[in-house]
Amino acid sequence: MGYWVSSEINTKIDALKWHVFDIPNGYGTARAGVAVMRHNAGGGWSDAHINVDGLTVARRRGGSNWGSTINSFVPAGCTVSFGLGGEGGVEYFKFMEF
């Protein structure tokens, strides 16, 4: 079990426990949860997105050495995938299962 910590508001959500694990691109969910992708832009421009059943549900464009993290809710029984264009690479793609 793990806790999701929000970097935007610096608070820990104590009420929710998550099962957090790495997933492959094109993962089929058995339970609902949140997909999280972290990428670095390598100092150049990048376009990162998360798709659920072929529909883009989260996207971040831009570039810096810091990169960014994007996340999206994923209903049970759906296929979740990611894409990254431009420079840099994916640091991780995880699923936080309810």
PDB file of N, CA and C in Angstrom:
ATOM      1  N   MET A   1       0.838  -1.183   0.000  1.00  0.00           N
ATOM      2  CA  MET A   1       0.000   0.000   0.000  1.00  0.00           C
ATOM      3  C   MET A   1       0.882   1.244   0.000  1.00  0.00           C
ATOM      4  N   GLY A   2       0.397   2.296  -0.593  1.00  0.00           N
ATOM      5  CA  GLY A   2       1.130   3.544  -0.611  1.00  0.00           C
ATOM      6  C   GLY A   2       0.185   4.712  -0.462  1.00  0.00           C
ATOM      7  N   TYR A   3       0.746   5.847  -0.202  1.00  0.00           N
ATOM      8  CA  TYR A   3      -0.043   7.068  -0.103  1.00  0.00           C
ATOM      9  C   TYR A   3       0.302   7.961  -1.280  1.00  0.00           C
ATOM     10  N   TRP A   4      -0.695   8.600  -1.851  1.00  0.00           N
ATOM     11  CA  TRP A   4      -0.459   9.550  -2.926  1.00  0.00           C
ATOM     12  C   TRP A   4      -0.233  10.912  -2.302  1.00  0.00           C
ATOM     13  N   VAL A   5       0.877  11.537  -2.605  1.00  0.00           N
ATOM     14  CA  VAL A   5       1.199  12.849  -2.067  1.00  0.00           C
ATOM     15  C   VAL A   5       1.079  13.859  -3.196  1.00  0.00           C
ATOM     16  N   SER A   6       0.259  14.872  -2.999  1.00  0.00           N
ATOM     17  CA  SER A   6       0.056  15.880  -4.026  1.00  0.00           C
ATOM     18  C   SER A   6       1.167  16.914  -3.954  1.00  0.00           C
ATOM     19  N   SER A   7       1.884  17.115  -5.058  1.00  0.00           N
ATOM     20  CA  SER A   7       2.956  18.103  -5.071  1.00  0.00           C
ATOM     21  C   SER A   7       2.405  19.525  -5.170  1.00  0.00           C
ATOM     22  N   GLU A   8       1.156  19.653  -5.629  1.00  0.00           N
ATOM     23  CA  GLU A   8       0.583  20.988  -5.775  1.00  0.00           C
ATOM     24  C   GLU A   8       0.214  21.604  -4.429  1.00  0.00           C
ATOM     25  N   ILE A   9      -0.293  20.791  -3.514  1.00  0.00           N
ATOM     26  CA  ILE A   9      -0.770  21.348  -2.246  1.00  0.00           C
ATOM     27  C   ILE A   9      -0.013  20.815  -1.035  1.00  0.00           C
ATOM     28  N   ASN A  10       0.971  19.944  -1.271  1.00  0.00           N
ATOM     29  CA  ASN A  10       1.823  19.416  -0.211  1.00  0.00           C
ATOM     30  C   ASN A  10       1.048  18.816   0.950  1.00  0.00           C
ATOM     31  N   THR A  11       0.027  18.055   0.671  1.00  0.00           N
ATOM     32  CA  THR A  11      -0.716  17.379   1.729  1.00  0.00           C
ATOM     33  C   THR A  11      -0.797  15.899   1.420  1.00  0.00           C
ATOM     34  N   LYS A  12      -0.811  15.115   2.456  1.00  0.00           N
ATOM     35  CA  LYS A  12      -0.960  13.674   2.292  1.00  0.00           C
ATOM     36  C   LYS A  12      -2.431  13.333   2.509  1.00  0.00           C
ATOM     37  N   ILE A  13      -2.993  12.569   1.610  1.00  0.00           N
ATOM     38  CA  ILE A  13      -4.390  12.172   1.743  1.00  0.00           C
ATOM     39  C   ILE A  13      -4.411  10.905   2.590  1.00  0.00           C
ATOM     40  N   ASP A  14      -4.654  11.065   3.882  1.00  0.00           N
ATOM     41  CA  ASP A  14      -4.573   9.946   4.811  1.00  0.00           C
ATOM     42  C   ASP A  14      -5.721   8.964   4.666  1.00  0.00           C
ATOM     43  N   ALA A  15      -6.846   9.422   4.164  1.00  0.00           N
ATOM     44  CA  ALA A  15      -8.040   8.580   4.133  1.00  0.00           C
ATOM     45  C   ALA A  15      -7.978   7.508   3.050  1.00  0.00           C
ATOM     46  N   LEU A  16      -7.160   7.706   2.040  1.00  0.00           N
ATOM     47  CA  LEU A  16      -7.123   6.768   0.920  1.00  0.00           C
ATOM     48  C   LEU A  16      -5.809   6.009   0.881  1.00  0.00           C
ATOM     49  N   LYS A  17      -5.894   4.698   0.813  1.00  0.00           N
ATOM     50  CA  LYS A  17      -4.699   3.879   0.611  1.00  0.00           C
ATOM     51  C   LYS A  17      -4.761   3.325  -0.808  1.00  0.00           C
ATOM     52  N   TRP A  18      -3.622   3.310  -1.441  1.00  0.00           N
ATOM     53  CA  TRP A  18      -3.548   2.893  -2.829  1.00  0.00           C
ATOM     54  C   TRP A  18      -2.603   1.711  -2.968  1.00  0.00           C
ATOM     55  N   HIS A  19      -2.867   0.870  -3.919  1.00  0.00           N
ATOM     56  CA  HIS A  19      -1.918  -0.152  -4.337  1.00  0.00           C
ATOM     57  C   HIS A  19      -1.237   0.426  -5.568  1.00  0.00           C
ATOM     58  N   VAL A  20       0.036   0.762  -5.459  1.00  0.00           N
ATOM     59  CA  VAL A  20       0.763   1.453  -6.525  1.00  0.00           C
ATOM     60  C   VAL A  20       1.757   0.491  -7.173  1.00  0.00           C
ATOM     61  N   PHE A  21       1.730   0.405  -8.510  1.00  0.00           N
ATOM     62  CA  PHE A  21       2.651  -0.485  -9.210  1.00  0.00           C
ATOM     63  C   PHE A  21       2.931   0.033 -10.615  1.00  0.00           C
ATOM     64  N   ASP A  22       4.076  -0.384 -11.164  1.00  0.00           N
ATOM     65  CA  ASP A  22       4.450  -0.034 -12.540  1.00  0.00           C
ATOM     66  C   ASP A  22       3.565  -0.804 -13.509  1.00  0.00           C
ATOM     67  N   ILE A  23       3.213  -0.154 -14.623  1.00  0.00           N
ATOM     68  CA  ILE A  23       2.382  -0.815 -15.629  1.00  0.00           C
ATOM     69  C   ILE A  23       3.011  -0.659 -17.011  1.00  0.00           C
ATOM     70  N   PRO A  24       2.757  -1.607 -17.895  1.00  0.00           N
ATOM     71  CA  PRO A  24       3.242  -1.473 -19.272  1.00  0.00           C
ATOM     72  C   PRO A  24       2.313  -0.569 -20.085  1.00  0.00           C
ATOM     73  N   ASN A  25       2.803  -0.066 -21.194  1.00  0.00           N
ATOM     74  CA  ASN A  25       1.968   0.718 -22.099  1.00  0.00           C
ATOM     75  C   ASN A  25       0.891  -0.209 -22.671  1.00  0.00           C
ATOM     76  N   GLY A  26      -0.378   0.203 -22.598  1.00  0.00           N
ATOM     77  CA  GLY A  26      -1.473  -0.631 -23.070  1.00  0.00           C
ATOM     78  C   GLY A  26      -2.034  -1.534 -21.986  1.00  0.00           C
ATOM     79  N   TYR A  27      -1.896  -1.138 -20.729  1.00  0.00           N
ATOM     80  CA  TYR A  27      -2.356  -1.942 -19.587  1.00  0.00           C
ATOM     81  C   TYR A  27      -3.882  -1.963 -19.515  1.00  0.00           C
ATOM     82  N   GLY A  28      -4.458  -3.135 -19.333  1.00  0.00           N
ATOM     83  CA  GLY A  28      -5.903  -3.289 -19.155  1.00  0.00           C
ATOM     84  C   GLY A  28      -6.230  -3.346 -17.672  1.00  0.00           C
ATOM     85  N   THR A  29      -7.052  -2.428 -17.202  1.00  0.00           N
ATOM     86  CA  THR A  29      -7.338  -2.336 -15.769  1.00  0.00           C
ATOM     87  C   THR A  29      -8.410  -3.329 -15.345  1.00  0.00           C
ATOM     88  N   ALA A  30      -8.218  -3.925 -14.187  1.00  0.00           N
ATOM     89  CA  ALA A  30      -9.237  -4.783 -13.585  1.00  0.00           C
ATOM     90  C   ALA A  30     -10.074  -3.981 -12.598  1.00  0.00           C
ATOM     91  N   ARG A  31      -9.442  -2.983 -11.976  1.00  0.00           N
ATOM     92  CA  ARG A  31     -10.125  -2.116 -11.020  1.00  0.00           C
ATOM     93  C   ARG A  31      -9.863  -0.663 -11.403  1.00  0.00           C
ATOM     94  N   ALA A  32     -10.702   0.230 -10.909  1.00  0.00           N
ATOM     95  CA  ALA A  32     -10.522   1.660 -11.182  1.00  0.00           C
ATOM     96  C   ALA A  32      -9.300   2.182 -10.438  1.00  0.00           C
ATOM     97  N   GLY A  33      -8.730   3.265 -10.945  1.00  0.00           N
ATOM     98  CA  GLY A  33      -7.572   3.867 -10.298  1.00  0.00           C
ATOM     99  C   GLY A  33      -7.109   5.100 -11.041  1.00  0.00           C
ATOM    100  N   VAL A  34      -5.874   5.477 -10.795  1.00  0.00           N
ATOM    101  CA  VAL A  34      -5.289   6.665 -11.410  1.00  0.00           C
ATOM    102  C   VAL A  34      -3.972   6.275 -12.078  1.00  0.00           C
ATOM    103  N   ALA A  35      -3.832   6.620 -13.348  1.00  0.00           N
ATOM    104  CA  ALA A  35      -2.579   6.398 -14.078  1.00  0.00           C
ATOM    105  C   ALA A  35      -1.715   7.645 -13.927  1.00  0.00           C
ATOM    106  N   VAL A  36      -0.426   7.443 -13.659  1.00  0.00           N
ATOM    107  CA  VAL A  36       0.508   8.551 -13.460  1.00  0.00           C
ATOM    108  C   VAL A  36       1.730   8.318 -14.339  1.00  0.00           C
ATOM    109  N   MET A  37       2.083   9.339 -15.130  1.00  0.00           N
ATOM    110  CA  MET A  37       3.270   9.255 -15.975  1.00  0.00           C
ATOM    111  C   MET A  37       4.187  10.423 -15.673  1.00  0.00           C
ATOM    112  N   ARG A  38       5.459  10.139 -15.465  1.00  0.00           N
ATOM    113  CA  ARG A  38       6.469  11.168 -15.231  1.00  0.00           C
ATOM    114  C   ARG A  38       7.458  11.113 -16.386  1.00  0.00           C
ATOM    115  N   HIS A  39       7.774  12.283 -16.939  1.00  0.00           N
ATOM    116  CA  HIS A  39       8.758  12.328 -18.028  1.00  0.00           C
ATOM    117  C   HIS A  39       9.687  13.509 -17.835  1.00  0.00           C
ATOM    118  N   ASN A  40      10.851  13.425 -18.448  1.00  0.00           N
ATOM    119  CA  ASN A  40      11.750  14.575 -18.487  1.00  0.00           C
ATOM    120  C   ASN A  40      11.830  15.046 -19.924  1.00  0.00           C
ATOM    121  N   ALA A  41      12.016  16.329 -20.084  1.00  0.00           N
ATOM    122  CA  ALA A  41      12.049  16.891 -21.437  1.00  0.00           C
ATOM    123  C   ALA A  41      13.468  17.028 -21.958  1.00  0.00           C
ATOM    124  N   GLY A  42      14.450  16.806 -21.110  1.00  0.00           N
ATOM    125  CA  GLY A  42      15.837  16.872 -21.557  1.00  0.00           C
ATOM    126  C   GLY A  42      16.250  18.242 -22.063  1.00  0.00           C
ATOM    127  N   GLY A  43      15.597  19.288 -21.595  1.00  0.00           N
ATOM    128  CA  GLY A  43      15.937  20.639 -22.016  1.00  0.00           C
ATOM    129  C   GLY A  43      15.293  21.063 -23.316  1.00  0.00           C
ATOM    130  N   GLY A  44      14.530  20.177 -23.943  1.00  0.00           N
ATOM    131  CA  GLY A  44      13.871  20.492 -25.206  1.00  0.00           C
ATOM    132  C   GLY A  44      12.363  20.445 -25.073  1.00  0.00           C
ATOM    133  N   TRP A  45      11.677  20.479 -26.195  1.00  0.00           N
ATOM    134  CA  TRP A  45      10.223  20.468 -26.220  1.00  0.00           C
ATOM    135  C   TRP A  45       9.715  19.035 -26.189  1.00  0.00           C
ATOM    136  N   SER A  46       8.615  18.806 -25.475  1.00  0.00           N
ATOM    137  CA  SER A  46       8.021  17.466 -25.464  1.00  0.00           C
ATOM    138  C   SER A  46       6.502  17.562 -25.388  1.00  0.00           C
ATOM    139  N   ASP A  47       5.845  16.496 -25.762  1.00  0.00           N
ATOM    140  CA  ASP A  47       4.387  16.397 -25.741  1.00  0.00           C
ATOM    141  C   ASP A  47       4.037  15.037 -25.141  1.00  0.00           C
ATOM    142  N   ALA A  48       3.583  15.034 -23.887  1.00  0.00           N
ATOM    143  CA  ALA A  48       3.247  13.785 -23.195  1.00  0.00           C
ATOM    144  C   ALA A  48       1.741  13.685 -23.033  1.00  0.00           C
ATOM    145  N   HIS A  49       1.210  12.474 -23.182  1.00  0.00           N
ATOM    146  CA  HIS A  49      -0.228  12.306 -23.004  1.00  0.00           C
ATOM    147  C   HIS A  49      -0.559  10.910 -22.491  1.00  0.00           C
ATOM    148  N   ILE A  50      -1.703  10.815 -21.799  1.00  0.00           N
ATOM    149  CA  ILE A  50      -2.250   9.546 -21.329  1.00  0.00           C
ATOM    150  C   ILE A  50      -3.565   9.330 -22.058  1.00  0.00           C
ATOM    151  N   ASN A  51      -3.754   8.122 -22.581  1.00  0.00           N
ATOM    152  CA  ASN A  51      -4.991   7.762 -23.284  1.00  0.00           C
ATOM    153  C   ASN A  51      -5.720   6.664 -22.516  1.00  0.00           C
ATOM    154  N   VAL A  52      -7.042   6.763 -22.465  1.00  0.00           N
ATOM    155  CA  VAL A  52      -7.885   5.711 -21.897  1.00  0.00           C
ATOM    156  C   VAL A  52      -8.836   5.264 -22.998  1.00  0.00           C
ATOM    157  N   ASP A  53      -8.737   4.005 -23.388  1.00  0.00           N
ATOM    158  CA  ASP A  53      -9.520   3.445 -24.495  1.00  0.00           C
ATOM    159  C   ASP A  53      -9.421   4.303 -25.754  1.00  0.00           C
ATOM    160  N   GLY A  54      -8.216   4.803 -26.039  1.00  0.00           N
ATOM    161  CA  GLY A  54      -7.964   5.566 -27.256  1.00  0.00           C
ATOM    162  C   GLY A  54      -8.281   7.045 -27.175  1.00  0.00           C
ATOM    163  N   LEU A  55      -8.856   7.508 -26.071  1.00  0.00           N
ATOM    164  CA  LEU A  55      -9.206   8.920 -25.905  1.00  0.00           C
ATOM    165  C   LEU A  55      -8.154   9.604 -25.042  1.00  0.00           C
ATOM    166  N   THR A  56      -7.601  10.721 -25.512  1.00  0.00           N
ATOM    167  CA  THR A  56      -6.610  11.455 -24.726  1.00  0.00           C
ATOM    168  C   THR A  56      -7.302  12.126 -23.549  1.00  0.00           C
ATOM    169  N   VAL A  57      -6.876  11.763 -22.337  1.00  0.00           N
ATOM    170  CA  VAL A  57      -7.520  12.273 -21.123  1.00  0.00           C
ATOM    171  C   VAL A  57      -6.600  13.177 -20.316  1.00  0.00           C
ATOM    172  N   ALA A  58      -5.308  13.157 -20.598  1.00  0.00           N
ATOM    173  CA  ALA A  58      -4.355  14.044 -19.927  1.00  0.00           C
ATOM    174  C   ALA A  58      -3.229  14.352 -20.896  1.00  0.00           C
ATOM    175  N   ARG A  59      -2.817  15.622 -20.928  1.00  0.00           N
ATOM    176  CA  ARG A  59      -1.756  16.010 -21.860  1.00  0.00           C
ATOM    177  C   ARG A  59      -0.965  17.165 -21.264  1.00  0.00           C
ATOM    178  N   ARG A  60       0.330  17.147 -21.519  1.00  0.00           N
ATOM    179  CA  ARG A  60       1.205  18.236 -21.087  1.00  0.00           C
ATOM    180  C   ARG A  60       2.201  18.494 -22.198  1.00  0.00           C
ATOM    181  N   ARG A  61       2.263  19.743 -22.628  1.00  0.00           N
ATOM    182  CA  ARG A  61       3.222  20.144 -23.658  1.00  0.00           C
ATOM    183  C   ARG A  61       4.161  21.181 -23.070  1.00  0.00           C
ATOM    184  N   GLY A  62       5.381  21.174 -23.529  1.00  0.00           N
ATOM    185  CA  GLY A  62       6.345  22.164 -23.067  1.00  0.00           C
ATOM    186  C   GLY A  62       7.710  21.546 -22.966  1.00  0.00           C
ATOM    187  N   GLY A  63       8.615  22.258 -22.322  1.00  0.00           N
ATOM    188  CA  GLY A  63       9.954  21.724 -22.188  1.00  0.00           C
ATOM    189  C   GLY A  63      10.744  22.401 -21.098  1.00  0.00           C
ATOM    190  N   SER A  64      11.465  21.605 -20.375  1.00  0.00           N
ATOM    191  CA  SER A  64      12.418  22.069 -19.377  1.00  0.00           C
ATOM    192  C   SER A  64      13.223  20.854 -18.954  1.00  0.00           C
ATOM    193  N   ASN A  65      14.280  21.076 -18.215  1.00  0.00           N
ATOM    194  CA  ASN A  65      15.049  19.946 -17.707  1.00  0.00           C
ATOM    195  C   ASN A  65      14.275  19.185 -16.641  1.00  0.00           C
ATOM    196  N   TRP A  66      13.276  19.828 -16.035  1.00  0.00           N
ATOM    197  CA  TRP A  66      12.526  19.200 -14.947  1.00  0.00           C
ATOM    198  C   TRP A  66      11.464  18.250 -15.459  1.00  0.00           C
ATOM    199  N   GLY A  67      10.940  18.484 -16.657  1.00  0.00           N
ATOM    200  CA  GLY A  67       9.865  17.641 -17.167  1.00  0.00           C
ATOM    201  C   GLY A  67       8.575  17.899 -16.405  1.00  0.00           C
ATOM    202  N   SER A  68       7.683  16.917 -16.384  1.00  0.00           N
ATOM    203  CA  SER A  68       6.417  17.095 -15.671  1.00  0.00           C
ATOM    204  C   SER A  68       5.792  15.743 -15.371  1.00  0.00           C
ATOM    205  N   THR A  69       4.768  15.783 -14.551  1.00  0.00           N
ATOM    206  CA  THR A  69       4.002  14.596 -14.190  1.00  0.00           C
ATOM    207  C   THR A  69       2.560  14.833 -14.594  1.00  0.00           C
ATOM    208  N   ILE A  70       1.947  13.866 -15.258  1.00  0.00           N
ATOM    209  CA  ILE A  70       0.533  13.966 -15.608  1.00  0.00           C
ATOM    210  C   ILE A  70      -0.184  12.744 -15.059  1.00  0.00           C
ATOM    211  N   ASN A  71      -1.456  12.918 -14.750  1.00  0.00           N
ATOM    212  CA  ASN A  71      -2.231  11.798 -14.211  1.00  0.00           C
ATOM    213  C   ASN A  71      -3.678  11.902 -14.642  1.00  0.00           C
ATOM    214  N   SER A  72      -4.374  10.772 -14.574  1.00  0.00           N
ATOM    215  CA  SER A  72      -5.776  10.735 -14.969  1.00  0.00           C
ATOM    216  C   SER A  72      -6.480   9.565 -14.307  1.00  0.00           C
ATOM    217  N   PHE A  73      -7.747   9.759 -13.984  1.00  0.00           N
ATOM    218  CA  PHE A  73      -8.590   8.672 -13.489  1.00  0.00           C
ATOM    219  C   PHE A  73      -8.830   7.672 -14.619  1.00  0.00           C
ATOM    220  N   VAL A  74      -8.820   6.384 -14.277  1.00  0.00           N
ATOM    221  CA  VAL A  74      -9.062   5.322 -15.256  1.00  0.00           C
ATOM    222  C   VAL A  74     -10.137   4.391 -14.698  1.00  0.00           C
ATOM    223  N   PRO A  75     -11.285   4.279 -15.356  1.00  0.00           N
ATOM    224  CA  PRO A  75     -12.337   3.362 -14.883  1.00  0.00           C
ATOM    225  C   PRO A  75     -11.904   1.901 -15.013  1.00  0.00           C
ATOM    226  N   ALA A  76     -12.554   1.038 -14.264  1.00  0.00           N
ATOM    227  CA  ALA A  76     -12.278  -0.398 -14.343  1.00  0.00           C
ATOM    228  C   ALA A  76     -12.635  -0.917 -15.731  1.00  0.00           C
ATOM    229  N   GLY A  77     -11.858  -1.865 -16.226  1.00  0.00           N
ATOM    230  CA  GLY A  77     -12.133  -2.497 -17.506  1.00  0.00           C
ATOM    231  C   GLY A  77     -11.668  -1.728 -18.723  1.00  0.00           C
ATOM    232  N   CYS A  78     -10.896  -0.660 -18.535  1.00  0.00           N
ATOM    233  CA  CYS A  78     -10.409   0.146 -19.658  1.00  0.00           C
ATOM    234  C   CYS A  78      -8.929  -0.135 -19.922  1.00  0.00           C
ATOM    235  N   THR A  79      -8.482   0.252 -21.104  1.00  0.00           N
ATOM    236  CA  THR A  79      -7.073   0.129 -21.469  1.00  0.00           C
ATOM    237  C   THR A  79      -6.429   1.501 -21.374  1.00  0.00           C
ATOM    238  N   VAL A  80      -5.318   1.588 -20.653  1.00  0.00           N
ATOM    239  CA  VAL A  80      -4.625   2.864 -20.475  1.00  0.00           C
ATOM    240  C   VAL A  80      -3.252   2.776 -21.135  1.00  0.00           C
ATOM    241  N   SER A  81      -2.914   3.833 -21.879  1.00  0.00           N
ATOM    242  CA  SER A  81      -1.623   3.885 -22.562  1.00  0.00           C
ATOM    243  C   SER A  81      -1.086   5.304 -22.500  1.00  0.00           C
ATOM    244  N   PHE A  82       0.165   5.468 -22.883  1.00  0.00           N
ATOM    245  CA  PHE A  82       0.769   6.796 -22.892  1.00  0.00           C
ATOM    246  C   PHE A  82       1.522   7.008 -24.190  1.00  0.00           C
ATOM    247  N   GLY A  83       1.827   8.261 -24.468  1.00  0.00           N
ATOM    248  CA  GLY A  83       2.649   8.615 -25.606  1.00  0.00           C
ATOM    249  C   GLY A  83       3.539   9.780 -25.236  1.00  0.00           C
ATOM    250  N   LEU A  84       4.706   9.842 -25.835  1.00  0.00           N
ATOM    251  CA  LEU A  84       5.634  10.939 -25.586  1.00  0.00           C
ATOM    252  C   LEU A  84       6.319  11.285 -26.892  1.00  0.00           C
ATOM    253  N   GLY A  85       6.131  12.520 -27.328  1.00  0.00           N
ATOM    254  CA  GLY A  85       6.782  12.998 -28.533  1.00  0.00           C
ATOM    255  C   GLY A  85       7.801  14.061 -28.179  1.00  0.00           C
ATOM    256  N   GLY A  86       8.698  14.350 -29.072  1.00  0.00           N
ATOM    257  CA  GLY A  86       9.710  15.362 -28.811  1.00  0.00           C
ATOM    258  C   GLY A  86      10.922  14.779 -28.112  1.00  0.00           C
ATOM    259  N   GLU A  87      11.535  15.578 -27.254  1.00  0.00           N
ATOM    260  CA  GLU A  87      12.765  15.161 -26.585  1.00  0.00           C
ATOM    261  C   GLU A  87      12.482  14.570 -25.215  1.00  0.00           C
ATOM    262  N   GLY A  88      13.516  14.011 -24.622  1.00  0.00           N
ATOM    263  CA  GLY A  88      13.393  13.439 -23.285  1.00  0.00           C
ATOM    264  C   GLY A  88      12.880  12.018 -23.314  1.00  0.00           C
ATOM    265  N   GLY A  89      12.471  11.546 -22.166  1.00  0.00           N
ATOM    266  CA  GLY A  89      11.994  10.175 -22.062  1.00  0.00           C
ATOM    267  C   GLY A  89      11.094   9.986 -20.862  1.00  0.00           C
ATOM    268  N   VAL A  90      10.455   8.836 -20.812  1.00  0.00           N
ATOM    269  CA  VAL A  90       9.545   8.507 -19.717  1.00  0.00           C
ATOM    270  C   VAL A  90      10.359   8.002 -18.532  1.00  0.00           C
ATOM    271  N   GLU A  91      10.139   8.590 -17.359  1.00  0.00           N
ATOM    272  CA  GLU A  91      10.803   8.123 -16.140  1.00  0.00           C
ATOM    273  C   GLU A  91      10.021   6.976 -15.517  1.00  0.00           C
ATOM    274  N   TYR A  92       8.694   7.107 -15.454  1.00  0.00           N
ATOM    275  CA  TYR A  92       7.871   5.999 -14.968  1.00  0.00           C
ATOM    276  C   TYR A  92       6.432   6.144 -15.432  1.00  0.00           C
ATOM    277  N   PHE A  93       5.730   5.021 -15.468  1.00  0.00           N
ATOM    278  CA  PHE A  93       4.299   4.954 -15.775  1.00  0.00           C
ATOM    279  C   PHE A  93       3.713   4.007 -14.742  1.00  0.00           C
ATOM    280  N   LYS A  94       2.925   4.549 -13.821  1.00  0.00           N
ATOM    281  CA  LYS A  94       2.414   3.775 -12.688  1.00  0.00           C
ATOM    282  C   LYS A  94       0.896   3.824 -12.646  1.00  0.00           C
ATOM    283  N   PHE A  95       0.339   2.873 -11.930  1.00  0.00           N
ATOM    284  CA  PHE A  95      -1.105   2.823 -11.715  1.00  0.00           C
ATOM    285  C   PHE A  95      -1.363   2.750 -10.221  1.00  0.00           C
ATOM    286  N   MET A  96      -2.216   3.642  -9.740  1.00  0.00           N
ATOM    287  CA  MET A  96      -2.617   3.653  -8.328  1.00  0.00           C
ATOM    288  C   MET A  96      -4.031   3.105  -8.270  1.00  0.00           C
ATOM    289  N   GLU A  97      -4.142   1.872  -7.826  1.00  0.00           N
ATOM    290  CA  GLU A  97      -5.417   1.158  -7.849  1.00  0.00           C
ATOM    291  C   GLU A  97      -6.193   1.404  -6.564  1.00  0.00           C
ATOM    292  N   PHE A  98      -7.501   1.638  -6.717  1.00  0.00           N
ATOM    293  CA  PHE A  98      -8.347   1.824  -5.527  1.00  0.00           C
ATOM    294  C   PHE A  98      -8.473   0.526  -4.784  1.00  0.00           C
TER     295      PHE A  98
END
